[in-house]
Protein backbone atom coordinates (compact mmCIF):
# COMPACT_ATOMS: atom_id res chain seq x y z
CA MET A 1 -15.81 56.04 -16.36
CA GLU A 2 -13.17 58.54 -15.47
CA ARG A 3 -9.33 57.50 -15.60
CA TRP A 4 -8.52 57.60 -11.92
CA GLN A 5 -12.02 55.55 -11.48
CA ASP A 6 -10.75 52.93 -13.79
CA LEU A 7 -7.43 52.97 -11.94
CA ILE A 8 -9.17 52.46 -8.59
CA ILE A 9 -10.94 49.18 -10.36
CA ARG A 10 -7.90 48.19 -11.82
CA ARG A 11 -5.80 48.16 -8.34
CA ASN A 12 -8.50 46.24 -6.51
CA LEU A 13 -9.46 43.93 -9.28
CA SER A 14 -9.01 40.70 -8.07
CA PHE A 15 -10.73 41.90 -4.41
CA ILE A 16 -13.66 42.98 -6.54
CA ILE A 17 -14.11 40.32 -8.98
CA LYS A 18 -14.12 37.72 -6.04
CA ASN A 19 -16.65 39.65 -4.28
CA VAL A 20 -18.87 40.89 -6.32
CA LYS A 21 -21.67 38.37 -7.18
CA CYS A 22 -23.46 38.65 -10.78
CA THR A 23 -26.91 37.98 -9.33
CA THR A 24 -30.00 38.41 -11.39
CA THR A 25 -31.03 41.35 -8.98
CA LEU A 26 -27.48 43.31 -9.66
CA LEU A 27 -27.74 42.91 -13.23
CA SER A 28 -31.72 43.85 -13.83
CA LYS A 29 -30.55 46.79 -11.39
CA LEU A 30 -27.72 48.08 -13.41
CA GLU A 31 -30.10 47.57 -16.53
CA GLU A 32 -32.71 49.75 -15.07
CA ARG A 33 -30.29 52.48 -14.32
CA ASN A 34 -29.14 52.38 -18.11
CA VAL A 35 -25.80 51.53 -17.44
CA LEU A 36 -26.10 48.00 -18.87
CA SER A 37 -27.68 47.21 -22.06
CA ALA A 38 -30.20 44.08 -22.60
CA GLU A 39 -27.29 42.84 -24.58
CA ASP A 40 -24.60 43.31 -22.22
CA VAL A 41 -26.96 41.58 -19.46
CA GLU A 42 -27.57 38.65 -21.63
CA THR A 43 -23.41 38.66 -22.43
CA VAL A 44 -22.64 38.36 -18.51
CA ASP A 45 -25.58 36.14 -17.56
CA VAL A 46 -24.90 33.62 -20.33
CA ILE A 47 -21.35 32.89 -18.61
CA LEU A 48 -21.46 29.85 -16.49
CA LYS A 49 -18.57 30.40 -13.62
CA GLN A 50 -19.28 32.94 -11.34
CA ILE A 51 -15.76 34.61 -11.15
CA GLU A 52 -15.65 34.82 -15.16
CA LYS A 53 -19.15 36.76 -15.09
CA SER A 54 -17.74 38.83 -12.59
CA ASP A 55 -14.93 39.53 -14.94
CA LYS A 56 -16.86 40.43 -17.75
CA LEU A 57 -19.32 42.64 -15.77
CA ILE A 58 -16.45 44.70 -14.49
CA ARG A 59 -14.88 45.23 -17.79
CA LEU A 60 -18.28 46.13 -19.26
CA LEU A 61 -18.72 48.88 -16.58
CA THR A 62 -15.39 50.41 -16.99
CA GLN A 63 -16.52 51.34 -20.58
CA LYS A 64 -19.44 52.95 -19.14
CA LEU A 65 -19.76 57.02 -18.75
CA HIS A 66 -21.26 56.71 -15.06
CA GLY A 67 -20.43 53.36 -14.25
CA PHE A 68 -18.78 53.64 -11.26
CA GLU A 69 -20.94 55.78 -9.29
CA ILE A 70 -23.72 53.75 -10.14
CA PHE A 71 -22.13 50.55 -9.53
CA ILE A 72 -21.64 51.80 -6.11
CA ALA A 73 -25.06 52.68 -5.82
CA VAL A 74 -26.36 49.48 -7.10
CA LEU A 75 -24.27 47.48 -4.75
CA LEU A 76 -25.54 49.47 -1.52
CA ASP A 77 -29.31 48.82 -2.75
CA PRO A 78 -31.25 47.17 -0.16
CA ASP A 79 -32.19 44.44 -2.84
CA VAL A 80 -28.37 43.76 -3.77
CA LYS A 81 -26.57 44.18 -0.17
CA GLN A 82 -23.22 43.59 -1.46
CA TYR A 83 -21.44 45.76 1.21
CA ALA A 84 -17.89 44.71 1.21
CA PRO A 85 -17.05 46.02 -2.59
CA ALA A 86 -19.01 48.83 -1.94
CA LYS A 87 -16.93 50.01 1.19
CA LEU A 88 -13.52 49.18 -0.92
CA LEU A 89 -14.87 51.55 -3.84
CA ILE A 90 -16.01 54.36 -1.68
CA GLU A 91 -13.15 54.23 0.62
CA GLU A 92 -10.85 54.57 -2.37
CA ARG A 93 -13.24 57.29 -3.94
CA SER A 94 -12.80 59.20 -0.82
CA ARG A 95 -9.07 58.80 -0.56
CA TYR A 96 -8.86 60.08 -4.29
CA TYR A 97 -11.11 63.15 -3.58
CA GLU A 98 -9.14 63.94 -0.25
CA GLU A 99 -5.72 63.83 -1.54
CA ARG A 100 -6.70 66.46 -4.22
CA GLY A 101 -8.59 68.73 -1.46
CA ILE A 102 -11.87 68.17 -3.00
CA ALA A 103 -14.94 67.67 -0.98
CA VAL A 104 -15.74 64.06 -0.34
CA PRO A 105 -19.23 63.47 -1.77
CA ASN A 106 -21.37 61.40 0.75
CA PRO A 107 -19.10 61.42 3.51
CA VAL A 108 -20.54 59.16 5.88
CA ILE A 109 -22.29 55.96 4.73
CA GLU A 110 -23.52 53.58 7.66
CA PHE A 111 -23.69 49.79 7.05
CA PRO A 112 -26.07 47.41 8.78
CA ASP A 113 -24.62 44.99 11.22
CA VAL A 114 -25.45 42.39 8.97
CA PRO A 115 -22.39 40.53 7.81
CA ASP A 116 -22.55 40.36 3.88
CA ALA A 117 -21.86 36.91 2.31
CA SER A 118 -19.59 38.14 -0.35
CA VAL A 119 -16.73 39.25 2.43
CA GLY A 120 -13.59 37.89 2.10
CA SER A 121 -11.21 37.21 4.92
CA SER A 122 -8.98 39.63 3.15
CA PHE A 123 -11.07 42.08 3.87
CA PRO A 124 -12.61 42.28 7.49
CA MET A 125 -16.02 43.84 8.14
CA LEU A 126 -15.77 47.09 10.50
CA PRO A 127 -18.36 48.15 12.87
CA SER A 128 -21.42 49.64 11.59
CA SER A 129 -20.73 52.88 13.56
CA GLN A 130 -17.75 53.67 11.65
CA PRO A 131 -18.26 55.71 8.48
CA VAL A 132 -16.64 54.65 5.25
CA ALA A 133 -14.91 58.13 4.87
CA ALA A 134 -13.33 57.53 7.95
CA LEU A 135 -11.46 54.36 7.05
CA GLN A 136 -8.08 54.35 7.31
CA ALA A 137 -5.55 53.11 4.53
CA PRO A 138 -3.61 49.99 5.54
CA PRO A 139 -0.26 50.44 6.84
CA THR A 140 2.25 51.24 4.22
CA ARG A 141 4.72 48.23 3.95
CA LEU A 142 6.81 46.27 1.21
CA ALA A 143 4.74 43.46 -0.21
CA ILE A 144 6.34 40.21 -1.03
CA GLU A 145 3.90 37.57 -1.74
CA THR A 146 4.28 33.99 -1.16
CA SER A 147 2.89 31.22 -2.95
CA SER A 148 0.14 29.11 -1.68
CA GLY A 149 1.33 25.70 -0.64
CA SER A 150 4.93 26.69 -0.52
CA PRO A 151 6.36 26.33 3.08
CA PRO A 152 7.83 29.52 4.68
CA ASN A 153 11.60 30.22 4.85
CA GLU A 154 13.05 29.12 8.27
CA GLY A 155 15.24 31.05 10.47
CA SER A 156 15.30 33.66 13.18
CA ALA A 157 16.77 36.78 11.01
CA ARG A 158 14.59 39.76 11.60
CA PHE A 159 13.91 42.37 8.90
CA ASP A 160 13.02 45.91 10.23
CA HIS A 161 11.70 47.86 7.09
CA PRO A 162 11.73 51.78 7.96
CA LEU A 163 8.56 52.14 6.99
CA VAL A 164 6.48 49.62 8.88
CA THR A 165 8.81 49.33 12.07
CA ASN A 166 6.57 50.10 14.98
CA GLN A 167 3.46 48.75 13.25
CA PRO A 168 2.34 45.95 15.62
CA ASN A 169 -0.49 44.68 12.83
CA VAL A 170 1.84 43.84 10.22
CA PRO A 171 2.10 40.27 10.20
CA LEU A 172 5.56 38.67 10.28
CA ALA A 173 4.84 36.35 6.88
CA SER A 174 4.39 39.57 5.05
CA PHE A 175 8.59 39.61 4.97
CA LEU A 176 9.03 36.25 4.03
CA MET A 177 10.89 35.83 0.98
CA PRO A 178 8.83 34.33 -2.05
CA SER A 179 8.39 31.10 -2.92
CA LYS A 180 10.08 29.77 -6.27
CA ARG A 181 6.82 29.68 -7.95
CA GLN A 182 5.97 33.20 -7.38
CA GLU A 183 6.93 36.73 -8.69
CA ASN A 184 8.64 39.04 -6.58
CA THR A 185 6.18 41.49 -6.25
CA GLN A 186 6.40 45.04 -4.40
CA THR A 187 4.66 48.88 -4.34
CA GLN A 188 6.81 51.42 -5.59
CA SER A 189 5.53 54.15 -3.49
CA GLU A 190 6.74 52.03 -0.56
CA SER A 191 10.75 52.00 -1.72
CA TYR A 192 13.19 53.88 0.46
CA HIS A 193 15.87 53.93 -1.46
CA GLU A 194 17.33 57.33 -2.78
CA MET A 195 16.18 57.85 -6.22
CA PRO A 196 19.25 57.86 -8.91
CA SER A 197 19.60 60.86 -11.28
CA GLU A 198 20.39 58.67 -14.04
CA LEU A 199 16.87 57.29 -14.45
CA PRO A 200 14.45 59.13 -17.16
CA LYS A 201 11.43 61.11 -15.62
CA GLU A 202 8.99 58.23 -16.51
CA LEU A 203 10.75 55.37 -14.80
CA HIS A 204 11.81 57.84 -11.63
CA ASP A 205 8.05 58.45 -11.43
CA PHE A 206 7.55 55.05 -11.42
CA VAL A 207 10.11 53.80 -8.59
CA HIS A 208 9.30 57.13 -6.53
CA LYS A 209 5.60 57.84 -6.88
CA CYS A 210 4.22 54.37 -8.25
CA THR A 211 3.17 56.58 -11.18
CA GLU A 212 1.81 54.39 -14.29
CA LEU A 213 3.68 54.76 -17.39
CA TYR A 214 1.84 56.45 -19.98
CA VAL A 215 2.51 54.93 -23.47
CA ASP A 216 2.97 57.55 -25.91
CA VAL A 217 5.30 56.00 -28.74
CA LYS A 218 7.11 58.54 -30.90
CA TRP A 219 6.81 58.70 -34.89
CA PRO A 220 10.04 59.50 -36.82
CA GLU A 221 9.13 62.95 -38.69
CA ALA A 222 9.00 63.09 -42.29
CA THR A 223 12.55 64.85 -42.65
CA VAL A 224 14.45 61.78 -40.72
CA PRO A 225 15.85 60.09 -43.36
CA THR A 226 15.43 56.47 -44.10
CA ARG A 227 17.59 53.81 -42.52
CA GLN A 228 18.55 50.36 -44.14
CA CYS A 229 17.32 47.61 -42.47
CA ARG A 230 17.21 44.12 -42.79
CA TYR A 231 13.48 43.38 -42.26
CA VAL A 232 10.50 45.14 -43.51
CA LEU A 233 8.23 46.45 -40.70
CA PRO A 234 5.31 48.86 -40.11
CA PRO A 235 4.51 50.84 -41.89
CA LYS A 236 5.81 49.43 -45.02
CA GLY A 237 5.18 45.76 -44.06
CA LYS A 238 2.61 44.12 -42.31
CA GLY A 239 3.14 43.54 -38.79
CA TYR A 240 1.28 41.42 -35.96
CA ALA A 241 1.48 41.10 -31.81
CA PHE A 242 -0.01 38.45 -29.93
CA ILE A 243 -0.60 39.57 -26.28
CA LEU A 244 -0.92 36.57 -23.94
CA ASN A 245 -0.85 37.41 -19.95
CA ILE A 246 -2.18 34.94 -17.84
CA ILE A 247 -3.19 36.90 -14.30
CA GLU A 248 -4.91 34.04 -12.33
CA ILE A 249 -3.73 30.51 -12.09
CA ARG A 250 -5.35 27.79 -10.08
CA GLY A 251 -3.54 27.06 -6.77
CA GLU A 252 -1.25 30.37 -7.40
CA LYS A 253 -1.19 33.85 -6.15
CA ILE A 254 -3.14 35.98 -8.22
CA ARG A 255 -0.36 38.18 -10.36
CA LYS A 256 -1.52 41.65 -9.02
CA GLY A 257 -0.68 44.59 -11.28
CA ALA A 258 0.20 42.19 -14.16
CA ASP A 259 -3.38 43.86 -15.81
CA LEU A 260 -1.21 46.67 -16.84
CA ASP A 261 1.13 44.78 -18.44
CA THR A 262 -1.58 44.17 -20.96
CA THR A 263 -2.06 47.54 -21.56
CA TYR A 264 1.47 48.20 -21.96
CA MET A 265 2.11 45.71 -24.50
CA THR A 266 -1.43 46.42 -26.64
CA ASN A 267 -0.49 50.46 -26.63
CA LEU A 268 3.36 49.80 -27.49
CA TRP A 269 2.77 47.62 -30.48
CA LYS A 270 -0.50 49.44 -31.54
CA GLY A 271 1.92 52.54 -31.58
CA LEU A 272 4.49 50.71 -33.45
CA GLY A 273 2.10 49.99 -36.20
CA TYR A 274 1.35 46.21 -35.30
CA ASP A 275 -2.16 44.73 -35.53
CA ILE A 276 -2.90 43.31 -31.88
CA PHE A 277 -4.18 39.54 -31.61
CA PRO A 278 -5.86 37.57 -30.64
CA LYS A 279 -9.24 39.12 -32.36
CA ASN A 280 -11.25 37.61 -29.43
CA GLU A 281 -10.96 40.17 -27.05
CA ASP A 282 -12.84 38.24 -24.28
CA PHE A 283 -9.75 35.72 -24.35
CA ARG A 284 -7.19 38.45 -25.00
CA GLU A 285 -8.67 40.61 -21.85
CA GLY A 286 -9.72 38.05 -19.93
CA ARG A 287 -7.97 36.91 -16.70
CA PHE A 288 -8.10 32.89 -17.03
CA LYS A 289 -6.53 31.39 -19.97
CA PHE A 290 -6.46 27.70 -20.36
CA GLU A 291 -4.01 25.37 -21.85
CA GLU A 292 -6.50 24.05 -24.47
CA ASP A 293 -7.87 27.69 -25.03
CA ILE A 294 -4.22 29.19 -25.78
CA ARG A 295 -3.26 26.47 -28.09
CA LYS A 296 -6.16 27.06 -30.07
CA GLU A 297 -5.48 30.93 -30.25
CA LEU A 298 -1.77 30.27 -31.04
CA ASN A 299 -2.75 28.13 -33.88
CA ILE A 300 -5.20 30.46 -35.27
CA PHE A 301 -2.71 33.42 -34.94
CA ARG A 302 0.15 31.35 -36.81
CA GLU A 303 -2.21 30.39 -39.73
CA LYS A 304 -3.52 34.17 -39.84
CA CYS A 305 0.61 35.09 -40.25
CA ILE A 306 0.82 32.65 -42.83
CA GLU A 307 -2.13 33.05 -45.00
CA ASP A 308 -1.55 37.13 -44.91
CA LYS A 309 2.10 36.73 -45.50
CA ILE A 310 3.07 38.64 -42.64
CA ASP A 311 6.54 40.78 -42.34
CA SER A 312 7.05 40.65 -38.56
CA PHE A 313 5.37 39.44 -35.71
CA VAL A 314 5.73 39.65 -31.75
CA ILE A 315 4.39 37.49 -29.10
CA PHE A 316 4.40 38.44 -25.79
CA ILE A 317 3.60 35.87 -22.73
CA GLY A 318 3.23 37.02 -19.30
CA SER A 319 2.36 34.27 -16.52
CA HIS A 320 3.80 32.67 -13.51
CA GLY A 321 6.65 30.66 -14.67
CA TYR A 322 9.91 28.78 -14.58
CA ASN A 323 13.03 28.41 -17.05
CA ASP A 324 11.44 28.86 -20.56
CA VAL A 325 8.22 27.34 -19.03
CA ILE A 326 5.07 29.19 -18.12
CA LEU A 327 1.94 28.21 -16.02
CA THR A 328 -1.60 28.23 -17.53
CA SER A 329 -4.66 29.17 -15.42
CA ASP A 330 -5.50 25.27 -15.13
CA ASN A 331 -2.17 24.71 -13.86
CA LYS A 332 -0.69 22.81 -17.00
CA THR A 333 2.79 24.28 -18.88
CA LEU A 334 3.70 25.30 -21.75
CA ASP A 335 7.37 25.45 -22.89
CA ILE A 336 8.32 28.58 -24.80
CA TYR A 337 10.63 26.77 -27.02
CA ASP A 338 8.55 23.79 -28.03
CA ASP A 339 5.25 25.34 -27.90
CA ILE A 340 5.66 28.56 -29.31
CA ILE A 341 9.22 29.59 -30.69
CA TYR A 342 9.44 26.53 -32.49
CA GLN A 343 6.00 26.18 -33.98
CA PHE A 344 6.28 29.59 -35.19
CA GLN A 345 9.25 28.89 -37.84
CA PHE A 346 7.06 28.78 -40.91
CA GLY A 347 8.21 29.90 -44.17
CA ILE A 348 6.76 32.61 -46.48
CA SER A 349 7.65 32.60 -50.09
CA GLU A 350 7.46 35.94 -52.16
CA ARG A 351 8.43 37.13 -55.53
CA LYS A 352 11.74 38.81 -55.96
CA ASN A 353 13.22 39.85 -59.29
CA GLY A 354 11.12 37.16 -60.88
CA LYS A 355 12.37 34.46 -58.57
CA MET A 356 10.37 33.03 -55.71
CA VAL A 357 12.39 33.12 -52.73
CA GLU A 358 11.97 32.85 -48.93
CA LYS A 359 10.73 36.14 -47.17
CA ARG A 360 12.40 37.26 -43.85
CA VAL A 361 10.41 37.50 -41.34
CA ALA A 362 11.29 38.98 -37.82
CA ARG A 363 9.93 36.77 -35.10
CA ILE A 364 10.09 38.80 -31.57
CA PHE A 365 9.07 36.53 -28.43
CA LEU A 366 8.65 38.21 -25.05
CA ASN A 367 8.67 36.28 -22.04
CA GLN A 368 7.41 38.18 -18.59
CA SER A 369 7.82 35.43 -15.99
CA CYS A 370 9.89 33.99 -13.43
CA GLN A 371 12.91 31.96 -14.65
CA ILE A 372 13.78 29.89 -11.60
CA ASP A 373 14.50 26.05 -12.44
CA VAL A 374 11.81 24.06 -13.45
CA PRO A 375 10.52 21.41 -10.84
CA GLN A 376 11.41 17.91 -11.83
CA ASP A 377 8.13 16.64 -11.90
CA LEU A 378 7.53 19.12 -15.04
CA VAL A 379 10.86 18.32 -16.63
CA LYS A 380 10.46 16.93 -20.32
CA SER A 381 11.64 13.67 -20.96
CA ALA A 382 14.08 13.23 -23.91
CA ASN A 383 11.23 11.18 -25.77
CA SER A 384 8.89 14.18 -25.60
CA CYS A 385 10.96 16.83 -27.47
CA ALA A 386 11.64 17.38 -31.23
CA SER A 387 13.39 14.45 -33.14
CA ARG A 388 14.59 16.73 -35.42
CA THR A 389 16.37 20.01 -34.87
CA PRO A 390 14.01 22.78 -35.99
CA ASN A 391 14.91 25.65 -38.40
CA VAL A 392 15.30 28.64 -36.62
CA THR A 393 15.69 31.94 -38.51
CA ASP A 394 15.11 35.18 -38.27
CA THR A 395 14.08 34.94 -34.27
CA ILE A 396 15.02 37.07 -31.30
CA TYR A 397 13.68 35.92 -27.62
CA ILE A 398 13.77 38.34 -24.91
CA LYS A 399 12.97 37.19 -21.31
CA ALA A 400 12.36 39.21 -18.11
CA GLN A 401 15.33 37.98 -15.78
CA ILE A 402 18.39 35.50 -16.25
CA PRO A 403 17.78 31.93 -15.27
CA LYS A 404 17.43 30.84 -11.89
CA PHE A 405 16.23 33.98 -10.70
CA LEU A 406 12.86 35.68 -9.96
CA ALA A 407 11.50 38.48 -12.01
CA SER A 408 9.76 41.52 -10.17
CA ARG A 409 6.52 43.11 -10.77
CA ASP A 410 5.03 46.26 -9.10
CA ILE A 411 1.50 45.29 -7.56
CA LYS A 412 -0.17 48.68 -8.65
CA CYS A 413 1.99 49.66 -11.72
CA GLY A 414 2.94 46.56 -13.49
CA SER A 415 5.92 44.05 -14.33
CA TYR A 416 9.43 45.89 -13.91
CA PHE A 417 10.67 44.38 -17.30
CA VAL A 418 7.24 45.25 -19.36
CA ILE A 419 7.41 48.69 -18.01
CA VAL A 420 11.19 49.38 -19.01
CA LEU A 421 10.94 47.63 -22.55
CA THR A 422 7.72 49.80 -23.33
CA TYR A 423 9.54 53.08 -22.01
CA VAL A 424 12.83 52.44 -24.24
CA LEU A 425 10.76 51.46 -27.46
CA MET A 426 7.94 53.79 -27.32
CA THR A 427 11.04 56.81 -26.90
CA LYS A 428 13.53 55.23 -29.04
CA ALA A 429 12.07 53.19 -31.73
CA TRP A 430 11.66 56.10 -34.42
CA ASN A 431 15.50 56.49 -34.95
CA THR A 432 17.25 53.47 -32.71
CA GLN A 433 18.13 49.95 -33.84
CA LEU A 434 16.64 47.31 -31.54
CA LEU A 435 19.93 45.79 -30.62
CA ALA A 436 20.86 49.17 -29.15
CA MET A 437 17.40 49.67 -27.29
CA LEU A 438 17.43 45.82 -25.65
CA GLU A 439 21.02 46.91 -24.32
CA GLU A 440 19.59 50.31 -23.01
CA VAL A 441 16.52 47.94 -21.56
CA GLN A 442 18.95 45.73 -19.66
CA ALA A 443 21.01 48.95 -18.23
CA LEU A 444 17.64 50.58 -17.41
CA LEU A 445 16.13 47.52 -15.63
CA LYS A 446 19.14 46.69 -13.48
CA THR A 447 18.81 50.46 -12.18
CA VAL A 448 15.06 50.56 -11.77
CA SER A 449 15.33 47.08 -9.79
CA LYS A 450 18.09 48.47 -7.41
CA TYR A 451 16.09 51.85 -6.51
CA ALA A 452 13.13 50.11 -6.41
CA GLY A 453 13.91 48.38 -3.15
CA ASP A 454 14.06 45.16 -4.77
CA ASP A 455 17.55 43.19 -3.52
CA ALA A 456 17.44 41.25 -6.70
CA CYS A 457 19.40 42.93 -9.64
CA GLN A 458 17.12 42.10 -12.79
CA LEU A 459 18.75 41.70 -15.92
CA CYS A 460 16.35 40.88 -19.39
CA PRO A 461 18.73 38.07 -21.45
CA PHE A 462 18.13 37.85 -25.33
CA VAL A 463 18.87 35.02 -27.67
CA GLN A 464 19.51 35.78 -31.11
CA MET A 465 18.77 32.70 -33.24
CA GLY A 466 19.48 33.70 -37.00
CA PHE A 467 18.40 37.08 -36.58
CA SER A 468 20.04 39.73 -38.52
CA HIS A 469 21.02 43.09 -37.66
CA PRO A 470 19.95 46.26 -37.97
CA LEU A 471 16.21 46.20 -37.23
CA TYR A 472 14.68 49.45 -37.27
CA PHE A 473 10.65 50.12 -36.71
CA PHE A 474 9.25 52.30 -39.10
CA THR A 475 10.66 51.13 -42.25
CA THR A 476 9.58 52.78 -45.29
CA GLU A 477 11.40 50.64 -47.70
CA ASP A 478 12.07 46.91 -48.67
CA GLY A 479 14.91 45.28 -46.82
CA VAL A 480 18.28 44.84 -47.76
């Protein structure tokens, strides 16, 4: 699948997964056209939950050379008749070609009047007389999602957005403030602020054009002098990165755009020389992650770090959440400190100058979630907390937003914090220490959130617990 086709899939992933039914007929048609192998079909077929079957199928198709076009053709097959996702993909494909002045293939495709059972309320059926190529894009507007089960804000205040005023079909609910269980979400191409000259081009394009960040980590040249570092990081040392990104949570709005956070984090830490975990790709790339499975994978990762005598590790967590608490797909919670940070305060011994000493392990924790107050029913009692103060050392914890406030995410390009952090580290890690980079992330994140049309000023705080500076990536010598 070509990159632009993959981006179309990513932008509309939630709708596609929910509206594509992985029937035996659909899978067999894809196998007949040599898009899926027999092994691929079996892999999808054994999954019990329909939504997880669809998730696996779509991820398989994105890896196939002609997966996009053949997938559309199969959806339109008289034996399959899944018209809603087919319409969406054809419309997006047509828009892509039209924007580039390319002749649109198959410009007119008529659909029968029979409603497709897979069509949800989020994608209304169109009259059969209207060709797909003629479908109009939805009105450009600021998108601020509200969480299900949360009452709308009261009051008579009116908000006139310059891009949607005089658009009678835009529901008033689109402009309600986000609930306290939902991240602020927005489409950057709809921003109406003037662009600041102080933003680097990549972040300027994200704000102004809704351009995805291309991750290209800069490595130091051989002539760059070695810098003294308190820790031993790759390539001299061994580094592991655990990526935990939860996209769908029962009873909550889907975290649209957050799929790209996984891509950003994976490519960034891989580029910095870290091995990526979990090795269970279905778990790492999947949209659903349940509490029991998360604890299991974290425990496997912890044991792996100890067994391999790791020098540095990173744990990235992305989800809906509260102050230092995240939600899992089954709507349970994990406490960032008790369940993650404190569980990774293990000791590793090494021989130095003929003596066994405890190795310094750089432990970096990243939290992409809202930091509003934890609801009273989720507050842990004193009895449930650890009885002894943990021996926390060599640890730094960075989160997307200051306590009591929401973290922002673009519904097409990903989370503000993840994008800015990725940009700074990929361009500066080759010659800049971590503390200086985090200060730059703070400054750029405030600017991005301001000019992206977000009323909130986002600032990512970090907590140092026994952490020693300087920390440089790309170390080639033992720590000092």
